Amino acid sequence: QVQLVESGGGLVQPGGSLRLSCAVSGVVFSNYVMSWYRQAPGKERELVATIDTTGYRRNYEDSVKGRFSISRDNANKQVYLQMNSLKPEDTAVYYCNARYPGSRSRGSWGQGTQVTVSS
């Protein structure tokens, strides 16, 4: 089964940057659509960014457009989220998600990594 391990979270000042990584194992990585979600305290988990199996198609939540960038390295089975111009509103636990196209499930999840944006 799919195994996902996120890393790269931490404390950063407003306007700063972080790069999150997600290591994938147990499957043929290139067959999976990859996404980043986040969940702030008291709020629903929301989709932040998605990248297709080839890496050529990307989608972003409106509030992060122009600031965040999702990418993948199929050879090394990694997906990344580059976060620039961070705001306090970006504070949340960030989760990596892997979904097989055509699957009826929501996909597989990592354990999450905390991102805190504060002065």
C-alpha atoms as a PDB file:
ATOM      1  CA  GLN A   1       0.000   0.000   0.000  1.00  0.00           C
ATOM      2  CA  VAL A   2       0.959   3.647  -0.336  1.00  0.00           C
ATOM      3  CA  GLN A   3       3.179   5.106   2.379  1.00  0.00           C
ATOM      4  CA  LEU A   4       3.676   8.870   2.656  1.00  0.00           C
ATOM      5  CA  VAL A   5       6.063  10.786   4.912  1.00  0.00           C
ATOM      6  CA  GLU A   6       5.990  14.596   5.037  1.00  0.00           C
ATOM      7  CA  SER A   7       8.851  16.796   6.192  1.00  0.00           C
ATOM      8  CA  GLY A   8      10.021  20.406   6.065  1.00  0.00           C
ATOM      9  CA  GLY A   9       7.510  22.121   8.323  1.00  0.00           C
ATOM     10  CA  GLY A  10       8.456  24.534  11.060  1.00  0.00           C
ATOM     11  CA  LEU A  11       8.224  28.080  12.387  1.00  0.00           C
ATOM     12  CA  VAL A  12       8.721  30.935   9.935  1.00  0.00           C
ATOM     13  CA  GLN A  13       8.170  34.699  10.003  1.00  0.00           C
ATOM     14  CA  PRO A  14       5.539  36.359   7.809  1.00  0.00           C
ATOM     15  CA  GLY A  15       6.957  36.868   4.325  1.00  0.00           C
ATOM     16  CA  GLY A  16       9.305  33.937   4.708  1.00  0.00           C
ATOM     17  CA  SER A  17       9.518  30.659   2.810  1.00  0.00           C
ATOM     18  CA  LEU A  18       9.395  26.938   3.463  1.00  0.00           C
ATOM     19  CA  ARG A  19       9.684  23.892   1.242  1.00  0.00           C
ATOM     20  CA  LEU A  20       7.683  20.826   2.198  1.00  0.00           C
ATOM     21  CA  SER A  21       8.636  17.373   0.964  1.00  0.00           C
ATOM     22  CA  CYS A  22       6.693  14.126   0.751  1.00  0.00           C
ATOM     23  CA  ALA A  23       8.451  10.807   0.252  1.00  0.00           C
ATOM     24  CA  VAL A  24       6.325   8.084  -1.341  1.00  0.00           C
ATOM     25  CA  SER A  25       6.897   4.341  -1.191  1.00  0.00           C
ATOM     26  CA  GLY A  26       5.087   1.052  -1.719  1.00  0.00           C
ATOM     27  CA  VAL A  27       3.616   1.847  -5.144  1.00  0.00           C
ATOM     28  CA  VAL A  28       4.470   2.932  -8.668  1.00  0.00           C
ATOM     29  CA  PHE A  29       4.622   6.635  -7.864  1.00  0.00           C
ATOM     30  CA  SER A  30       4.107   7.884 -11.418  1.00  0.00           C
ATOM     31  CA  ASN A  31       0.591   6.365 -11.490  1.00  0.00           C
ATOM     32  CA  TYR A  32      -0.706   8.640  -8.722  1.00  0.00           C
ATOM     33  CA  VAL A  33      -2.157  12.123  -8.633  1.00  0.00           C
ATOM     34  CA  MET A  34      -0.501  13.985  -5.755  1.00  0.00           C
ATOM     35  CA  SER A  35      -1.955  16.765  -3.625  1.00  0.00           C
ATOM     36  CA  TRP A  36      -1.233  18.908  -0.608  1.00  0.00           C
ATOM     37  CA  TYR A  37      -3.996  19.647   1.892  1.00  0.00           C
ATOM     38  CA  ARG A  38      -3.963  21.673   5.079  1.00  0.00           C
ATOM     39  CA  GLN A  39      -6.038  21.858   8.228  1.00  0.00           C
ATOM     40  CA  ALA A  40      -6.074  24.753  10.681  1.00  0.00           C
ATOM     41  CA  PRO A  41      -7.438  24.383  14.233  1.00  0.00           C
ATOM     42  CA  GLY A  42     -11.234  24.240  14.240  1.00  0.00           C
ATOM     43  CA  LYS A  43     -11.455  24.139  10.455  1.00  0.00           C
ATOM     44  CA  GLU A  44     -12.092  21.553   7.772  1.00  0.00           C
ATOM     45  CA  ARG A  45      -9.214  20.075   5.847  1.00  0.00           C
ATOM     46  CA  GLU A  46      -8.857  21.961   2.564  1.00  0.00           C
ATOM     47  CA  LEU A  47      -7.142  21.272  -0.728  1.00  0.00           C
ATOM     48  CA  VAL A  48      -4.122  23.507  -1.357  1.00  0.00           C
ATOM     49  CA  ALA A  49      -2.559  22.177  -4.559  1.00  0.00           C
ATOM     50  CA  THR A  50      -2.716  19.218  -6.938  1.00  0.00           C
ATOM     51  CA  ILE A  51      -0.345  17.891  -9.577  1.00  0.00           C
ATOM     52  CA  ASP A  52      -1.183  15.239 -12.163  1.00  0.00           C
ATOM     53  CA  THR A  53       0.752  12.046 -12.850  1.00  0.00           C
ATOM     54  CA  THR A  54       3.005  13.647 -15.463  1.00  0.00           C
ATOM     55  CA  GLY A  55       3.716  16.869 -13.584  1.00  0.00           C
ATOM     56  CA  TYR A  56       2.449  19.037 -16.445  1.00  0.00           C
ATOM     57  CA  ARG A  57      -0.926  19.992 -14.961  1.00  0.00           C
ATOM     58  CA  ARG A  58      -1.232  21.859 -11.668  1.00  0.00           C
ATOM     59  CA  ASN A  59      -4.096  23.416  -9.730  1.00  0.00           C
ATOM     60  CA  TYR A  60      -4.067  25.740  -6.715  1.00  0.00           C
ATOM     61  CA  GLU A  61      -6.479  27.076  -4.153  1.00  0.00           C
ATOM     62  CA  ASP A  62      -7.111  30.769  -4.851  1.00  0.00           C
ATOM     63  CA  SER A  63      -5.502  32.093  -1.670  1.00  0.00           C
ATOM     64  CA  VAL A  64      -2.116  30.511  -2.491  1.00  0.00           C
ATOM     65  CA  LYS A  65      -1.910  31.246  -6.227  1.00  0.00           C
ATOM     66  CA  GLY A  66       1.286  33.078  -7.072  1.00  0.00           C
ATOM     67  CA  ARG A  67       2.840  32.169  -3.719  1.00  0.00           C
ATOM     68  CA  PHE A  68       2.901  28.356  -3.601  1.00  0.00           C
ATOM     69  CA  SER A  69       4.222  25.917  -6.184  1.00  0.00           C
ATOM     70  CA  ILE A  70       3.736  22.145  -6.310  1.00  0.00           C
ATOM     71  CA  SER A  71       6.172  19.894  -8.149  1.00  0.00           C
ATOM     72  CA  ARG A  72       7.094  16.220  -8.368  1.00  0.00           C
ATOM     73  CA  ASP A  73      10.132  14.097  -9.084  1.00  0.00           C
ATOM     74  CA  ASN A  74       8.874  10.774 -10.403  1.00  0.00           C
ATOM     75  CA  ALA A  75      12.355   9.267 -10.586  1.00  0.00           C
ATOM     76  CA  ASN A  76      12.912   9.808  -6.858  1.00  0.00           C
ATOM     77  CA  LYS A  77       9.278   9.412  -5.746  1.00  0.00           C
ATOM     78  CA  GLN A  78       9.004  12.840  -4.151  1.00  0.00           C
ATOM     79  CA  VAL A  79       6.432  15.620  -4.217  1.00  0.00           C
ATOM     80  CA  TYR A  80       7.195  19.149  -3.027  1.00  0.00           C
ATOM     81  CA  LEU A  81       5.357  22.278  -1.993  1.00  0.00           C
ATOM     82  CA  GLN A  82       7.391  25.479  -2.234  1.00  0.00           C
ATOM     83  CA  MET A  83       5.726  28.139  -0.089  1.00  0.00           C
ATOM     84  CA  ASN A  84       6.757  31.779  -0.482  1.00  0.00           C
ATOM     85  CA  SER A  85       5.433  35.030   0.987  1.00  0.00           C
ATOM     86  CA  LEU A  86       3.919  33.122   3.871  1.00  0.00           C
ATOM     87  CA  LYS A  87       1.123  34.678   5.906  1.00  0.00           C
ATOM     88  CA  PRO A  88      -0.204  33.899   9.394  1.00  0.00           C
ATOM     89  CA  GLU A  89      -3.341  32.565   7.689  1.00  0.00           C
ATOM     90  CA  ASP A  90      -1.201  29.786   6.190  1.00  0.00           C
ATOM     91  CA  THR A  91      -0.628  28.302   9.648  1.00  0.00           C
ATOM     92  CA  ALA A  92      -1.904  24.712   9.609  1.00  0.00           C
ATOM     93  CA  VAL A  93      -0.926  21.074   9.539  1.00  0.00           C
ATOM     94  CA  TYR A  94      -0.053  20.205   5.953  1.00  0.00           C
ATOM     95  CA  TYR A  95      -0.825  16.737   4.593  1.00  0.00           C
ATOM     96  CA  CYS A  96       0.385  14.882   1.534  1.00  0.00           C
ATOM     97  CA  ASN A  97      -2.207  12.859  -0.392  1.00  0.00           C
ATOM     98  CA  ALA A  98      -1.834  10.214  -3.101  1.00  0.00           C
ATOM     99  CA  ARG A  99      -4.788   9.146  -5.228  1.00  0.00           C
ATOM    100  CA  TYR A 100      -4.963   6.599  -8.015  1.00  0.00           C
ATOM    101  CA  PRO A 101      -6.978   7.987 -10.969  1.00  0.00           C
ATOM    102  CA  GLY A 102     -10.380   6.335 -11.153  1.00  0.00           C
ATOM    103  CA  SER A 103     -10.291   5.202  -7.537  1.00  0.00           C
ATOM    104  CA  ARG A 104     -13.489   5.595  -5.530  1.00  0.00           C
ATOM    105  CA  SER A 105     -11.552   6.421  -2.370  1.00  0.00           C
ATOM    106  CA  ARG A 106     -10.112   9.761  -1.237  1.00  0.00           C
ATOM    107  CA  GLY A 107      -6.610   8.313  -1.489  1.00  0.00           C
ATOM    108  CA  SER A 108      -3.862   7.779   1.072  1.00  0.00           C
ATOM    109  CA  TRP A 109      -2.581  10.280   3.636  1.00  0.00           C
ATOM    110  CA  GLY A 110       0.646  11.048   5.402  1.00  0.00           C
ATOM    111  CA  GLN A 111       0.919  11.990   9.079  1.00  0.00           C
ATOM    112  CA  GLY A 112       1.210  15.710   8.391  1.00  0.00           C
ATOM    113  CA  THR A 113       3.771  18.404   9.152  1.00  0.00           C
ATOM    114  CA  GLN A 114       3.121  21.574  11.159  1.00  0.00           C
ATOM    115  CA  VAL A 115       3.651  24.975   9.536  1.00  0.00           C
ATOM    116  CA  THR A 116       3.470  28.003  11.824  1.00  0.00           C
ATOM    117  CA  VAL A 117       3.764  31.540  10.444  1.00  0.00           C
ATOM    118  CA  SER A 118       4.297  34.062  13.224  1.00  0.00           C
ATOM    119  CA  SER A 119       6.472  37.020  14.176  1.00  0.00           C
END
